[in-house]
Amino acid sequence: MAQTQYKIGDVVILKSGGPPMTVHNIGDYHATAPDPGLLCVWFDTNKKVEDVFHPNTVEIYDLNG
């Protein structure tokens, strides 16, 4: 299966569910997280949250429903 090519600004969601997240950066996070990694940001109420996810664990979020 081909891996989706994500770009900064894409809105993604974990395949297992969760909030929509914006891809903020794409890079080599192997020292602290998966390599390659997508640095994603989202809001939990009014608090900004960020974490790094492996590209195979997310999918593009359909903004149209």
Protein backbone atom coordinates (compact mmCIF):
# COMPACT_ATOMS: atom_id res chain seq x y z
CA MET A 1 0.00 0.00 0.00
CA ALA A 2 1.40 3.41 -0.96
CA GLN A 3 1.95 5.89 1.84
CA THR A 4 -0.01 9.13 1.55
CA GLN A 5 2.17 12.18 1.04
CA TYR A 6 1.13 14.75 3.62
CA LYS A 7 1.94 18.44 3.47
CA ILE A 8 2.02 21.22 6.04
CA GLY A 9 -1.50 22.53 6.55
CA ASP A 10 -3.27 19.22 5.87
CA VAL A 11 -6.01 18.37 8.34
CA VAL A 12 -5.66 14.77 9.54
CA ILE A 13 -7.22 12.47 12.09
CA LEU A 14 -5.85 9.38 13.78
CA LYS A 15 -7.11 6.20 12.16
CA SER A 16 -8.26 5.12 15.62
CA GLY A 17 -10.26 8.35 16.06
CA GLY A 18 -9.79 11.60 17.90
CA PRO A 19 -9.90 15.31 17.09
CA PRO A 20 -9.00 16.77 13.70
CA MET A 21 -5.37 17.94 13.75
CA THR A 22 -3.36 20.25 11.49
CA VAL A 23 0.02 19.08 10.19
CA HIS A 24 2.37 21.79 11.47
CA ASN A 25 5.70 20.28 10.40
CA ILE A 26 7.09 17.15 8.76
CA GLY A 27 10.48 15.88 9.72
CA ASP A 28 12.95 13.64 11.43
CA TYR A 29 11.81 13.24 15.02
CA HIS A 30 13.56 9.91 15.69
CA ALA A 31 15.22 11.14 18.90
CA THR A 32 11.87 11.80 20.55
CA ALA A 33 9.21 10.23 18.35
CA PRO A 34 8.59 8.26 15.15
CA ASP A 35 10.77 8.82 12.09
CA PRO A 36 9.40 10.08 9.76
CA GLY A 37 7.03 12.13 11.84
CA LEU A 38 4.18 14.55 11.44
CA LEU A 39 4.08 17.27 14.07
CA CYS A 40 0.35 17.87 14.50
CA VAL A 41 -1.46 20.54 16.50
CA TRP A 42 -5.05 20.71 17.74
CA PHE A 43 -7.05 22.35 20.49
CA ASP A 44 -8.44 20.69 23.61
CA THR A 45 -11.05 23.24 24.64
CA ASN A 46 -8.86 26.39 24.67
CA LYS A 47 -5.51 24.65 25.18
CA LYS A 48 -3.18 24.12 22.22
CA VAL A 49 -1.82 20.57 22.09
CA GLU A 50 0.84 19.10 19.83
CA ASP A 51 2.39 15.70 19.29
CA VAL A 52 4.27 13.73 16.63
CA PHE A 53 2.62 10.85 14.79
CA HIS A 54 3.88 8.35 12.24
CA PRO A 55 2.28 9.04 8.83
CA ASN A 56 0.82 5.52 8.72
CA THR A 57 -1.29 6.21 11.83
CA VAL A 58 -3.28 9.14 10.38
CA GLU A 59 -5.50 9.84 7.40
CA ILE A 60 -6.78 12.98 5.72
CA TYR A 61 -9.82 14.38 7.53
CA ASP A 62 -12.81 15.09 5.31
CA LEU A 63 -13.71 18.69 6.10
CA ASN A 64 -16.97 18.30 4.18
CA GLY A 65 -18.37 15.68 6.47
